[in-house]
Amino acid sequence: MACKHSASSRPEIELRLLQFLADATADDSCRATLIRTLANYTWLDADNEILFETIRVLFAQTPRDILNHLPAALTRNGFPDISCEPLRQRSLLAPADAVALAGELLRSAK
């Protein structure tokens, strides 16, 4: 079952979930659940995988300030050319929709 915010492609779904994870206004417990859920997911877009891994580390350190630390963290990790701009758009996903979208993403990856 697709949620009402369903995106049409895996890279688009990946981006929407990354926006949710980076959004400091999103529910922290839901963000933590999504990080655990997506920990073994095979990302279709390599840049999205790098963003996820960096967000995962930053979430453990500063969950409310990810976007401010993300560019420097990417540069320290050797990825200064990965753009953070798409993640600066505030997520419109409700926590339940983000969980449903993650489930859709995992199912589509099989």
PDB file of N, CA and C in Angstrom:
ATOM      1  N   MET A   1       0.844  -1.180   0.000  1.00  0.00           N
ATOM      2  CA  MET A   1       0.000   0.000   0.000  1.00  0.00           C
ATOM      3  C   MET A   1       0.888   1.240   0.000  1.00  0.00           C
ATOM      4  N   ALA A   2       0.671   2.131  -0.909  1.00  0.00           N
ATOM      5  CA  ALA A   2       1.451   3.360  -1.005  1.00  0.00           C
ATOM      6  C   ALA A   2       0.789   4.444  -0.180  1.00  0.00           C
ATOM      7  N   CYS A   3       1.591   5.278   0.455  1.00  0.00           N
ATOM      8  CA  CYS A   3       1.030   6.378   1.221  1.00  0.00           C
ATOM      9  C   CYS A   3       0.692   7.523   0.286  1.00  0.00           C
ATOM     10  N   LYS A   4      -0.051   8.482   0.789  1.00  0.00           N
ATOM     11  CA  LYS A   4      -0.513   9.573  -0.061  1.00  0.00           C
ATOM     12  C   LYS A   4       0.625  10.458  -0.548  1.00  0.00           C
ATOM     13  N   HIS A   5       1.773  10.401   0.099  1.00  0.00           N
ATOM     14  CA  HIS A   5       2.924  11.205  -0.317  1.00  0.00           C
ATOM     15  C   HIS A   5       3.901  10.398  -1.159  1.00  0.00           C
ATOM     16  N   SER A   6       3.457   9.264  -1.650  1.00  0.00           N
ATOM     17  CA  SER A   6       4.341   8.369  -2.385  1.00  0.00           C
ATOM     18  C   SER A   6       4.997   9.057  -3.576  1.00  0.00           C
ATOM     19  N   ALA A   7       6.249   8.781  -3.751  1.00  0.00           N
ATOM     20  CA  ALA A   7       6.996   9.290  -4.893  1.00  0.00           C
ATOM     21  C   ALA A   7       7.067   8.186  -5.931  1.00  0.00           C
ATOM     22  N   SER A   8       7.428   8.530  -7.141  1.00  0.00           N
ATOM     23  CA  SER A   8       7.347   7.545  -8.209  1.00  0.00           C
ATOM     24  C   SER A   8       8.619   6.729  -8.396  1.00  0.00           C
ATOM     25  N   SER A   9       9.758   7.210  -8.003  1.00  0.00           N
ATOM     26  CA  SER A   9      11.001   6.478  -8.249  1.00  0.00           C
ATOM     27  C   SER A   9      11.782   6.307  -6.954  1.00  0.00           C
ATOM     28  N   ARG A  10      12.618   5.266  -6.947  1.00  0.00           N
ATOM     29  CA  ARG A  10      13.439   5.024  -5.744  1.00  0.00           C
ATOM     30  C   ARG A  10      14.313   6.219  -5.390  1.00  0.00           C
ATOM     31  N   PRO A  11      15.049   6.829  -6.347  1.00  0.00           N
ATOM     32  CA  PRO A  11      15.862   7.987  -5.953  1.00  0.00           C
ATOM     33  C   PRO A  11      15.026   9.133  -5.367  1.00  0.00           C
ATOM     34  N   GLU A  12      13.823   9.315  -5.880  1.00  0.00           N
ATOM     35  CA  GLU A  12      12.953  10.366  -5.350  1.00  0.00           C
ATOM     36  C   GLU A  12      12.487  10.025  -3.933  1.00  0.00           C
ATOM     37  N   ILE A  13      12.136   8.764  -3.708  1.00  0.00           N
ATOM     38  CA  ILE A  13      11.740   8.321  -2.365  1.00  0.00           C
ATOM     39  C   ILE A  13      12.920   8.469  -1.411  1.00  0.00           C
ATOM     40  N   GLU A  14      14.104   8.065  -1.863  1.00  0.00           N
ATOM     41  CA  GLU A  14      15.304   8.206  -1.040  1.00  0.00           C
ATOM     42  C   GLU A  14      15.494   9.661  -0.619  1.00  0.00           C
ATOM     43  N   LEU A  15      15.370  10.574  -1.568  1.00  0.00           N
ATOM     44  CA  LEU A  15      15.560  11.996  -1.272  1.00  0.00           C
ATOM     45  C   LEU A  15      14.522  12.489  -0.273  1.00  0.00           C
ATOM     46  N   ARG A  16      13.277  12.089  -0.442  1.00  0.00           N
ATOM     47  CA  ARG A  16      12.226  12.546   0.480  1.00  0.00           C
ATOM     48  C   ARG A  16      12.477  12.041   1.899  1.00  0.00           C
ATOM     49  N   LEU A  17      12.964  10.816   2.013  1.00  0.00           N
ATOM     50  CA  LEU A  17      13.278  10.294   3.342  1.00  0.00           C
ATOM     51  C   LEU A  17      14.501  10.986   3.936  1.00  0.00           C
ATOM     52  N   LEU A  18      15.487  11.288   3.118  1.00  0.00           N
ATOM     53  CA  LEU A  18      16.654  12.041   3.610  1.00  0.00           C
ATOM     54  C   LEU A  18      16.246  13.431   4.080  1.00  0.00           C
ATOM     55  N   GLN A  19      15.325  14.068   3.377  1.00  0.00           N
ATOM     56  CA  GLN A  19      14.815  15.366   3.821  1.00  0.00           C
ATOM     57  C   GLN A  19      14.160  15.239   5.190  1.00  0.00           C
ATOM     58  N   PHE A  20      13.383  14.190   5.387  1.00  0.00           N
ATOM     59  CA  PHE A  20      12.735  13.963   6.671  1.00  0.00           C
ATOM     60  C   PHE A  20      13.770  13.742   7.764  1.00  0.00           C
ATOM     61  N   LEU A  21      14.782  12.929   7.481  1.00  0.00           N
ATOM     62  CA  LEU A  21      15.807  12.638   8.481  1.00  0.00           C
ATOM     63  C   LEU A  21      16.619  13.872   8.862  1.00  0.00           C
ATOM     64  N   ALA A  22      16.832  14.774   7.916  1.00  0.00           N
ATOM     65  CA  ALA A  22      17.628  15.976   8.174  1.00  0.00           C
ATOM     66  C   ALA A  22      16.815  17.103   8.789  1.00  0.00           C
ATOM     67  N   ASP A  23      15.494  16.994   8.759  1.00  0.00           N
ATOM     68  CA  ASP A  23      14.601  18.059   9.229  1.00  0.00           C
ATOM     69  C   ASP A  23      14.539  18.072  10.753  1.00  0.00           C
ATOM     70  N   ALA A  24      15.053  19.128  11.348  1.00  0.00           N
ATOM     71  CA  ALA A  24      15.097  19.237  12.811  1.00  0.00           C
ATOM     72  C   ALA A  24      13.705  19.339  13.421  1.00  0.00           C
ATOM     73  N   THR A  25      12.695  19.690  12.626  1.00  0.00           N
ATOM     74  CA  THR A  25      11.346  19.796  13.176  1.00  0.00           C
ATOM     75  C   THR A  25      10.613  18.461  13.160  1.00  0.00           C
ATOM     76  N   ALA A  26      11.196  17.468  12.497  1.00  0.00           N
ATOM     77  CA  ALA A  26      10.564  16.140  12.437  1.00  0.00           C
ATOM     78  C   ALA A  26      10.729  15.417  13.770  1.00  0.00           C
ATOM     79  N   ASP A  27       9.859  14.472  14.021  1.00  0.00           N
ATOM     80  CA  ASP A  27       9.843  13.699  15.256  1.00  0.00           C
ATOM     81  C   ASP A  27      11.139  12.890  15.427  1.00  0.00           C
ATOM     82  N   ASP A  28      11.866  13.136  16.524  1.00  0.00           N
ATOM     83  CA  ASP A  28      13.148  12.463  16.756  1.00  0.00           C
ATOM     84  C   ASP A  28      13.014  10.948  16.871  1.00  0.00           C
ATOM     85  N   SER A  29      11.988  10.466  17.555  1.00  0.00           N
ATOM     86  CA  SER A  29      11.862   9.013  17.711  1.00  0.00           C
ATOM     87  C   SER A  29      11.559   8.358  16.371  1.00  0.00           C
ATOM     88  N   CYS A  30      10.780   8.998  15.543  1.00  0.00           N
ATOM     89  CA  CYS A  30      10.501   8.463  14.210  1.00  0.00           C
ATOM     90  C   CYS A  30      11.765   8.507  13.351  1.00  0.00           C
ATOM     91  N   ARG A  31      12.520   9.589  13.460  1.00  0.00           N
ATOM     92  CA  ARG A  31      13.775   9.694  12.706  1.00  0.00           C
ATOM     93  C   ARG A  31      14.726   8.576  13.129  1.00  0.00           C
ATOM     94  N   ALA A  32      14.819   8.306  14.418  1.00  0.00           N
ATOM     95  CA  ALA A  32      15.692   7.236  14.911  1.00  0.00           C
ATOM     96  C   ALA A  32      15.228   5.879  14.390  1.00  0.00           C
ATOM     97  N   THR A  33      13.917   5.659  14.382  1.00  0.00           N
ATOM     98  CA  THR A  33      13.368   4.412  13.857  1.00  0.00           C
ATOM     99  C   THR A  33      13.704   4.260  12.374  1.00  0.00           C
ATOM    100  N   LEU A  34      13.562   5.333  11.607  1.00  0.00           N
ATOM    101  CA  LEU A  34      13.872   5.272  10.180  1.00  0.00           C
ATOM    102  C   LEU A  34      15.352   5.000   9.938  1.00  0.00           C
ATOM    103  N   ILE A  35      16.197   5.584  10.745  1.00  0.00           N
ATOM    104  CA  ILE A  35      17.638   5.335  10.604  1.00  0.00           C
ATOM    105  C   ILE A  35      17.935   3.860  10.827  1.00  0.00           C
ATOM    106  N   ARG A  36      17.324   3.280  11.848  1.00  0.00           N
ATOM    107  CA  ARG A  36      17.512   1.839  12.095  1.00  0.00           C
ATOM    108  C   ARG A  36      16.919   1.010  10.957  1.00  0.00           C
ATOM    109  N   THR A  37      15.758   1.394  10.488  1.00  0.00           N
ATOM    110  CA  THR A  37      15.078   0.666   9.418  1.00  0.00           C
ATOM    111  C   THR A  37      15.895   0.662   8.133  1.00  0.00           C
ATOM    112  N   LEU A  38      16.512   1.796   7.822  1.00  0.00           N
ATOM    113  CA  LEU A  38      17.240   1.944   6.556  1.00  0.00           C
ATOM    114  C   LEU A  38      18.729   1.594   6.674  1.00  0.00           C
ATOM    115  N   ALA A  39      19.156   1.152   7.841  1.00  0.00           N
ATOM    116  CA  ALA A  39      20.580   0.892   8.065  1.00  0.00           C
ATOM    117  C   ALA A  39      21.164  -0.123   7.095  1.00  0.00           C
ATOM    118  N   ASN A  40      20.394  -1.126   6.685  1.00  0.00           N
ATOM    119  CA  ASN A  40      20.898  -2.160   5.772  1.00  0.00           C
ATOM    120  C   ASN A  40      20.336  -2.032   4.366  1.00  0.00           C
ATOM    121  N   TYR A  41      19.660  -0.927   4.107  1.00  0.00           N
ATOM    122  CA  TYR A  41      19.085  -0.689   2.784  1.00  0.00           C
ATOM    123  C   TYR A  41      20.211  -0.429   1.778  1.00  0.00           C
ATOM    124  N   THR A  42      20.072  -0.969   0.579  1.00  0.00           N
ATOM    125  CA  THR A  42      21.036  -0.719  -0.486  1.00  0.00           C
ATOM    126  C   THR A  42      20.544   0.468  -1.300  1.00  0.00           C
ATOM    127  N   TRP A  43      21.200   1.601  -1.090  1.00  0.00           N
ATOM    128  CA  TRP A  43      20.787   2.849  -1.733  1.00  0.00           C
ATOM    129  C   TRP A  43      21.047   2.781  -3.228  1.00  0.00           C
ATOM    130  N   LEU A  44      20.058   3.211  -3.992  1.00  0.00           N
ATOM    131  CA  LEU A  44      20.186   3.220  -5.448  1.00  0.00           C
ATOM    132  C   LEU A  44      21.127   4.325  -5.899  1.00  0.00           C
ATOM    133  N   ASP A  45      21.034   5.467  -5.264  1.00  0.00           N
ATOM    134  CA  ASP A  45      21.863   6.622  -5.598  1.00  0.00           C
ATOM    135  C   ASP A  45      23.029   6.693  -4.612  1.00  0.00           C
ATOM    136  N   ALA A  46      24.260   6.647  -5.121  1.00  0.00           N
ATOM    137  CA  ALA A  46      25.453   6.640  -4.258  1.00  0.00           C
ATOM    138  C   ALA A  46      25.535   7.889  -3.391  1.00  0.00           C
ATOM    139  N   ASP A  47      25.186   9.050  -3.945  1.00  0.00           N
ATOM    140  CA  ASP A  47      25.213  10.284  -3.148  1.00  0.00           C
ATOM    141  C   ASP A  47      24.216  10.189  -1.991  1.00  0.00           C
ATOM    142  N   ASN A  48      23.055   9.602  -2.241  1.00  0.00           N
ATOM    143  CA  ASN A  48      22.073   9.445  -1.170  1.00  0.00           C
ATOM    144  C   ASN A  48      22.591   8.530  -0.067  1.00  0.00           C
ATOM    145  N   GLU A  49      23.333   7.506  -0.445  1.00  0.00           N
ATOM    146  CA  GLU A  49      23.917   6.621   0.564  1.00  0.00           C
ATOM    147  C   GLU A  49      24.925   7.378   1.433  1.00  0.00           C
ATOM    148  N   ILE A  50      25.744   8.194   0.812  1.00  0.00           N
ATOM    149  CA  ILE A  50      26.725   8.995   1.551  1.00  0.00           C
ATOM    150  C   ILE A  50      26.005   9.980   2.463  1.00  0.00           C
ATOM    151  N   LEU A  51      24.963  10.614   1.944  1.00  0.00           N
ATOM    152  CA  LEU A  51      24.178  11.539   2.772  1.00  0.00           C
ATOM    153  C   LEU A  51      23.558  10.811   3.958  1.00  0.00           C
ATOM    154  N   PHE A  52      22.996   9.637   3.720  1.00  0.00           N
ATOM    155  CA  PHE A  52      22.388   8.876   4.805  1.00  0.00           C
ATOM    156  C   PHE A  52      23.400   8.533   5.892  1.00  0.00           C
ATOM    157  N   GLU A  53      24.543   8.015   5.476  1.00  0.00           N
ATOM    158  CA  GLU A  53      25.556   7.630   6.464  1.00  0.00           C
ATOM    159  C   GLU A  53      26.033   8.836   7.269  1.00  0.00           C
ATOM    160  N   THR A  54      26.170   9.968   6.617  1.00  0.00           N
ATOM    161  CA  THR A  54      26.601  11.188   7.307  1.00  0.00           C
ATOM    162  C   THR A  54      25.505  11.683   8.239  1.00  0.00           C
ATOM    163  N   ILE A  55      24.261  11.658   7.775  1.00  0.00           N
ATOM    164  CA  ILE A  55      23.130  12.064   8.623  1.00  0.00           C
ATOM    165  C   ILE A  55      23.017  11.137   9.826  1.00  0.00           C
ATOM    166  N   ARG A  56      23.240   9.851   9.617  1.00  0.00           N
ATOM    167  CA  ARG A  56      23.151   8.887  10.724  1.00  0.00           C
ATOM    168  C   ARG A  56      24.147   9.242  11.832  1.00  0.00           C
ATOM    169  N   VAL A  57      25.371   9.568  11.456  1.00  0.00           N
ATOM    170  CA  VAL A  57      26.381   9.955  12.447  1.00  0.00           C
ATOM    171  C   VAL A  57      25.989  11.268  13.124  1.00  0.00           C
ATOM    172  N   LEU A  58      25.571  12.244  12.338  1.00  0.00           N
ATOM    173  CA  LEU A  58      25.198  13.545  12.901  1.00  0.00           C
ATOM    174  C   LEU A  58      23.966  13.447  13.792  1.00  0.00           C
ATOM    175  N   PHE A  59      23.022  12.581  13.434  1.00  0.00           N
ATOM    176  CA  PHE A  59      21.822  12.407  14.260  1.00  0.00           C
ATOM    177  C   PHE A  59      22.199  11.928  15.655  1.00  0.00           C
ATOM    178  N   ALA A  60      23.165  11.041  15.745  1.00  0.00           N
ATOM    179  CA  ALA A  60      23.615  10.530  17.040  1.00  0.00           C
ATOM    180  C   ALA A  60      24.282  11.636  17.868  1.00  0.00           C
ATOM    181  N   GLN A  61      24.859  12.632  17.189  1.00  0.00           N
ATOM    182  CA  GLN A  61      25.582  13.707  17.887  1.00  0.00           C
ATOM    183  C   GLN A  61      24.711  14.940  18.119  1.00  0.00           C
ATOM    184  N   THR A  62      24.056  15.409  17.075  1.00  0.00           N
ATOM    185  CA  THR A  62      23.293  16.666  17.147  1.00  0.00           C
ATOM    186  C   THR A  62      22.026  16.568  16.303  1.00  0.00           C
ATOM    187  N   PRO A  63      21.016  15.855  16.779  1.00  0.00           N
ATOM    188  CA  PRO A  63      19.825  15.627  15.950  1.00  0.00           C
ATOM    189  C   PRO A  63      19.093  16.901  15.528  1.00  0.00           C
ATOM    190  N   ARG A  64      19.248  17.964  16.269  1.00  0.00           N
ATOM    191  CA  ARG A  64      18.538  19.205  15.967  1.00  0.00           C
ATOM    192  C   ARG A  64      19.340  20.167  15.095  1.00  0.00           C
ATOM    193  N   ASP A  65      20.554  19.787  14.724  1.00  0.00           N
ATOM    194  CA  ASP A  65      21.406  20.717  13.984  1.00  0.00           C
ATOM    195  C   ASP A  65      22.120  20.034  12.811  1.00  0.00           C
ATOM    196  N   ILE A  66      21.489  19.021  12.261  1.00  0.00           N
ATOM    197  CA  ILE A  66      22.116  18.238  11.189  1.00  0.00           C
ATOM    198  C   ILE A  66      22.468  19.094   9.986  1.00  0.00           C
ATOM    199  N   LEU A  67      21.530  19.897   9.519  1.00  0.00           N
ATOM    200  CA  LEU A  67      21.764  20.661   8.291  1.00  0.00           C
ATOM    201  C   LEU A  67      22.914  21.650   8.415  1.00  0.00           C
ATOM    202  N   ASN A  68      23.124  22.180   9.596  1.00  0.00           N
ATOM    203  CA  ASN A  68      24.242  23.116   9.783  1.00  0.00           C
ATOM    204  C   ASN A  68      25.590  22.408   9.758  1.00  0.00           C
ATOM    205  N   HIS A  69      25.636  21.167  10.201  1.00  0.00           N
ATOM    206  CA  HIS A  69      26.890  20.423  10.279  1.00  0.00           C
ATOM    207  C   HIS A  69      27.148  19.545   9.054  1.00  0.00           C
ATOM    208  N   LEU A  70      26.126  19.316   8.250  1.00  0.00           N
ATOM    209  CA  LEU A  70      26.240  18.382   7.134  1.00  0.00           C
ATOM    210  C   LEU A  70      27.308  18.760   6.100  1.00  0.00           C
ATOM    211  N   PRO A  71      27.391  20.013   5.636  1.00  0.00           N
ATOM    212  CA  PRO A  71      28.419  20.330   4.633  1.00  0.00           C
ATOM    213  C   PRO A  71      29.843  20.065   5.135  1.00  0.00           C
ATOM    214  N   ALA A  72      30.131  20.463   6.362  1.00  0.00           N
ATOM    215  CA  ALA A  72      31.473  20.242   6.912  1.00  0.00           C
ATOM    216  C   ALA A  72      31.748  18.750   7.100  1.00  0.00           C
ATOM    217  N   ALA A  73      30.750  18.007   7.560  1.00  0.00           N
ATOM    218  CA  ALA A  73      30.931  16.565   7.753  1.00  0.00           C
ATOM    219  C   ALA A  73      31.183  15.861   6.420  1.00  0.00           C
ATOM    220  N   LEU A  74      30.458  16.257   5.389  1.00  0.00           N
ATOM    221  CA  LEU A  74      30.689  15.676   4.065  1.00  0.00           C
ATOM    222  C   LEU A  74      32.101  15.983   3.570  1.00  0.00           C
ATOM    223  N   THR A  75      32.546  17.209   3.790  1.00  0.00           N
ATOM    224  CA  THR A  75      33.893  17.605   3.368  1.00  0.00           C
ATOM    225  C   THR A  75      34.946  16.806   4.134  1.00  0.00           C
ATOM    226  N   ARG A  76      34.771  16.656   5.444  1.00  0.00           N
ATOM    227  CA  ARG A  76      35.717  15.871   6.248  1.00  0.00           C
ATOM    228  C   ARG A  76      35.777  14.420   5.786  1.00  0.00           C
ATOM    229  N   ASN A  77      34.646  13.922   5.302  1.00  0.00           N
ATOM    230  CA  ASN A  77      34.578  12.528   4.845  1.00  0.00           C
ATOM    231  C   ASN A  77      35.044  12.365   3.396  1.00  0.00           C
ATOM    232  N   GLY A  78      35.472  13.468   2.770  1.00  0.00           N
ATOM    233  CA  GLY A  78      36.004  13.389   1.413  1.00  0.00           C
ATOM    234  C   GLY A  78      34.978  13.597   0.313  1.00  0.00           C
ATOM    235  N   PHE A  79      33.815  14.166   0.652  1.00  0.00           N
ATOM    236  CA  PHE A  79      32.760  14.365  -0.335  1.00  0.00           C
ATOM    237  C   PHE A  79      32.293  15.824  -0.380  1.00  0.00           C
ATOM    238  N   PRO A  80      33.205  16.766  -0.663  1.00  0.00           N
ATOM    239  CA  PRO A  80      32.817  18.185  -0.641  1.00  0.00           C
ATOM    240  C   PRO A  80      31.868  18.578  -1.776  1.00  0.00           C
ATOM    241  N   ASP A  81      31.770  17.756  -2.809  1.00  0.00           N
ATOM    242  CA  ASP A  81      30.942  18.112  -3.964  1.00  0.00           C
ATOM    243  C   ASP A  81      29.496  17.637  -3.862  1.00  0.00           C
ATOM    244  N   ILE A  82      29.152  16.896  -2.828  1.00  0.00           N
ATOM    245  CA  ILE A  82      27.762  16.459  -2.675  1.00  0.00           C
ATOM    246  C   ILE A  82      26.955  17.625  -2.121  1.00  0.00           C
ATOM    247  N   SER A  83      25.903  17.960  -2.834  1.00  0.00           N
ATOM    248  CA  SER A  83      25.067  19.097  -2.456  1.00  0.00           C
ATOM    249  C   SER A  83      24.105  18.740  -1.334  1.00  0.00           C
ATOM    250  N   CYS A  84      24.006  19.638  -0.372  1.00  0.00           N
ATOM    251  CA  CYS A  84      23.054  19.492   0.726  1.00  0.00           C
ATOM    252  C   CYS A  84      21.773  20.281   0.456  1.00  0.00           C
ATOM    253  N   GLU A  85      21.782  21.078  -0.584  1.00  0.00           N
ATOM    254  CA  GLU A  85      20.660  21.975  -0.857  1.00  0.00           C
ATOM    255  C   GLU A  85      19.312  21.257  -0.960  1.00  0.00           C
ATOM    256  N   PRO A  86      19.224  20.107  -1.634  1.00  0.00           N
ATOM    257  CA  PRO A  86      17.911  19.443  -1.700  1.00  0.00           C
ATOM    258  C   PRO A  86      17.365  19.066  -0.315  1.00  0.00           C
ATOM    259  N   LEU A  87      18.241  18.906   0.653  1.00  0.00           N
ATOM    260  CA  LEU A  87      17.796  18.523   1.995  1.00  0.00           C
ATOM    261  C   LEU A  87      17.327  19.716   2.814  1.00  0.00           C
ATOM    262  N   ARG A  88      17.630  20.908   2.366  1.00  0.00           N
ATOM    263  CA  ARG A  88      17.233  22.110   3.098  1.00  0.00           C
ATOM    264  C   ARG A  88      15.741  22.394   2.949  1.00  0.00           C
ATOM    265  N   GLN A  89      15.113  21.776   1.950  1.00  0.00           N
ATOM    266  CA  GLN A  89      13.671  21.924   1.796  1.00  0.00           C
ATOM    267  C   GLN A  89      13.001  21.165   2.931  1.00  0.00           C
ATOM    268  N   ARG A  90      12.160  21.832   3.676  1.00  0.00           N
ATOM    269  CA  ARG A  90      11.512  21.202   4.821  1.00  0.00           C
ATOM    270  C   ARG A  90      10.649  20.031   4.367  1.00  0.00           C
ATOM    271  N   SER A  91      10.751  18.949   5.086  1.00  0.00           N
ATOM    272  CA  SER A  91       9.975  17.758   4.769  1.00  0.00           C
ATOM    273  C   SER A  91       8.503  17.998   5.049  1.00  0.00           C
ATOM    274  N   LEU A  92       7.668  17.552   4.128  1.00  0.00           N
ATOM    275  CA  LEU A  92       6.222  17.642   4.307  1.00  0.00           C
ATOM    276  C   LEU A  92       5.631  16.324   4.788  1.00  0.00           C
ATOM    277  N   LEU A  93       6.505  15.351   5.053  1.00  0.00           N
ATOM    278  CA  LEU A  93       6.040  14.040   5.499  1.00  0.00           C
ATOM    279  C   LEU A  93       5.674  14.051   6.977  1.00  0.00           C
ATOM    280  N   ALA A  94       4.525  13.495   7.277  1.00  0.00           N
ATOM    281  CA  ALA A  94       4.160  13.221   8.663  1.00  0.00           C
ATOM    282  C   ALA A  94       4.936  11.969   9.076  1.00  0.00           C
ATOM    283  N   PRO A  95       5.184  11.773  10.365  1.00  0.00           N
ATOM    284  CA  PRO A  95       5.937  10.588  10.785  1.00  0.00           C
ATOM    285  C   PRO A  95       5.367   9.276  10.242  1.00  0.00           C
ATOM    286  N   ALA A  96       4.059   9.101  10.297  1.00  0.00           N
ATOM    287  CA  ALA A  96       3.458   7.857   9.793  1.00  0.00           C
ATOM    288  C   ALA A  96       3.696   7.710   8.294  1.00  0.00           C
ATOM    289  N   ASP A  97       3.639   8.804   7.558  1.00  0.00           N
ATOM    290  CA  ASP A  97       3.888   8.753   6.115  1.00  0.00           C
ATOM    291  C   ASP A  97       5.352   8.420   5.824  1.00  0.00           C
ATOM    292  N   ALA A  98       6.262   8.935   6.637  1.00  0.00           N
ATOM    293  CA  ALA A  98       7.685   8.634   6.448  1.00  0.00           C
ATOM    294  C   ALA A  98       7.946   7.154   6.672  1.00  0.00           C
ATOM    295  N   VAL A  99       7.327   6.577   7.692  1.00  0.00           N
ATOM    296  CA  VAL A  99       7.485   5.140   7.966  1.00  0.00           C
ATOM    297  C   VAL A  99       6.907   4.328   6.811  1.00  0.00           C
ATOM    298  N   ALA A 100       5.732   4.721   6.320  1.00  0.00           N
ATOM    299  CA  ALA A 100       5.118   4.013   5.194  1.00  0.00           C
ATOM    300  C   ALA A 100       5.976   4.124   3.936  1.00  0.00           C
ATOM    301  N   LEU A 101       6.538   5.303   3.719  1.00  0.00           N
ATOM    302  CA  LEU A 101       7.387   5.509   2.552  1.00  0.00           C
ATOM    303  C   LEU A 101       8.664   4.667   2.651  1.00  0.00           C
ATOM    304  N   ALA A 102       9.223   4.552   3.846  1.00  0.00           N
ATOM    305  CA  ALA A 102      10.401   3.701   4.046  1.00  0.00           C
ATOM    306  C   ALA A 102      10.055   2.241   3.753  1.00  0.00           C
ATOM    307  N   GLY A 103       8.880   1.810   4.183  1.00  0.00           N
ATOM    308  CA  GLY A 103       8.441   0.444   3.881  1.00  0.00           C
ATOM    309  C   GLY A 103       8.292   0.235   2.386  1.00  0.00           C
ATOM    310  N   GLU A 104       7.734   1.217   1.710  1.00  0.00           N
ATOM    311  CA  GLU A 104       7.591   1.152   0.247  1.00  0.00           C
ATOM    312  C   GLU A 104       8.967   1.080  -0.416  1.00  0.00           C
ATOM    313  N   LEU A 105       9.900   1.857   0.092  1.00  0.00           N
ATOM    314  CA  LEU A 105      11.252   1.857  -0.452  1.00  0.00           C
ATOM    315  C   LEU A 105      11.906   0.485  -0.274  1.00  0.00           C
ATOM    316  N   LEU A 106      11.793  -0.074   0.897  1.00  0.00           N
ATOM    317  CA  LEU A 106      12.387  -1.391   1.160  1.00  0.00           C
ATOM    318  C   LEU A 106      11.758  -2.472   0.277  1.00  0.00           C
ATOM    319  N   ARG A 107      10.450  -2.406   0.089  1.00  0.00           N
ATOM    320  CA  ARG A 107       9.764  -3.384  -0.766  1.00  0.00           C
ATOM    321  C   ARG A 107      10.203  -3.224  -2.222  1.00  0.00           C
ATOM    322  N   SER A 108      10.382  -1.998  -2.667  1.00  0.00           N
ATOM    323  CA  SER A 108      10.764  -1.768  -4.068  1.00  0.00           C
ATOM    324  C   SER A 108      12.210  -2.168  -4.343  1.00  0.00           C
ATOM    325  N   ALA A 109      13.023  -2.267  -3.283  1.00  0.00           N
ATOM    326  CA  ALA A 109      14.432  -2.626  -3.436  1.00  0.00           C
ATOM    327  C   ALA A 109      14.628  -4.135  -3.557  1.00  0.00           C
ATOM    328  N   LYS A 110      13.606  -4.901  -3.276  1.00  0.00           N
ATOM    329  CA  LYS A 110      13.736  -6.376  -3.318  1.00  0.00           C
ATOM    330  C   LYS A 110      13.721  -6.894  -4.725  1.00  0.00           C
TER     331      LYS A 110
END
